[in-house]
Every structure is written in C-alpha cells, then in structure tokens.
C-alpha cells in the first residue's frame, strides 16, 4: 500500500468521494485498504494533509 492515513485525520469525508476504488473505510480515523490503486487522489483531497506515503 502506497498511502496511509495518520492520526491528523478529521474524518471529514473529503477523500471518500475522490477514491475511484472505494479503498477508504470510515471510522474515527479513516483507513486505506489493500484495494488502493495508489492514484493519489485522496492525498490531494485531504484538507489537513493526513494522508501520506507509507
């Protein structure tokens, strides 16, 4: 997996709509699953920079 979501995640949902493979799962802190295509759209969508390369 190329990306991970850090504790800075606000669970705002900005990344969810950008993921073309539904690879982000909701929770107190969102998580990126193994179905991630490594496209980076979630990184661009995150308003607080909580998604980083793993």
Protein backbone atom coordinates (compact mmCIF):
# COMPACT_ATOMS: atom_id res chain seq x y z
CA UNK A 1 0.00 0.00 0.00
CA UNK A 2 1.45 3.33 -1.01
CA UNK A 3 -0.56 5.61 1.30
CA UNK A 4 -1.74 5.67 4.87
CA UNK A 5 -3.98 7.96 6.87
CA UNK A 6 -2.45 9.46 10.01
CA UNK A 7 -3.97 10.49 13.33
CA UNK A 8 -4.44 14.01 11.96
CA UNK A 9 -7.47 12.66 10.06
CA UNK A 10 -10.62 14.65 10.86
CA UNK A 11 -12.92 12.00 9.34
CA UNK A 12 -14.40 14.78 7.21
CA UNK A 13 -15.11 12.56 4.18
CA UNK A 14 -13.27 14.65 1.59
CA UNK A 15 -11.20 11.68 0.49
CA UNK A 16 -14.10 9.23 0.23
CA UNK A 17 -15.70 10.78 -2.83
CA UNK A 18 -12.35 11.06 -4.60
CA UNK A 19 -11.36 7.40 -4.30
CA UNK A 20 -12.18 5.60 -7.56
CA UNK A 21 -11.90 2.15 -5.96
CA UNK A 22 -13.72 2.67 -2.64
CA UNK A 23 -10.48 1.80 -0.85
CA UNK A 24 -11.08 4.13 2.11
CA UNK A 25 -13.03 2.86 5.08
CA UNK A 26 -14.75 5.18 7.53
CA UNK A 27 -14.07 5.29 11.26
CA UNK A 28 -12.77 7.68 13.90
CA UNK A 29 -9.68 7.76 11.72
CA UNK A 30 -10.21 6.58 8.16
CA UNK A 31 -8.16 3.68 6.81
CA UNK A 32 -6.92 2.81 3.34
CA UNK A 33 -7.49 -0.80 2.38
CA UNK A 34 -5.49 -3.16 0.20
CA UNK A 35 -7.70 -2.33 -2.78
CA UNK A 36 -5.95 1.05 -3.06
CA UNK A 37 -4.92 1.82 -6.66
CA UNK A 38 -2.19 4.24 -5.47
CA UNK A 39 -3.61 7.04 -7.63
CA UNK A 40 -3.05 9.80 -5.03
CA UNK A 41 -6.43 11.47 -5.46
CA UNK A 42 -7.13 11.10 -1.74
CA UNK A 43 -3.89 12.89 -0.89
CA UNK A 44 -4.93 15.88 -2.97
CA UNK A 45 -8.43 15.88 -1.44
CA UNK A 46 -7.36 15.85 2.22
CA UNK A 47 -7.67 19.38 3.67
CA UNK A 48 -5.29 18.69 6.58
CA UNK A 49 -2.60 16.60 4.89
CA UNK A 50 -3.43 13.49 6.91
CA UNK A 51 -2.75 11.10 4.02
CA UNK A 52 0.92 10.35 3.47
CA UNK A 53 3.07 7.91 1.56
CA UNK A 54 3.70 4.75 3.53
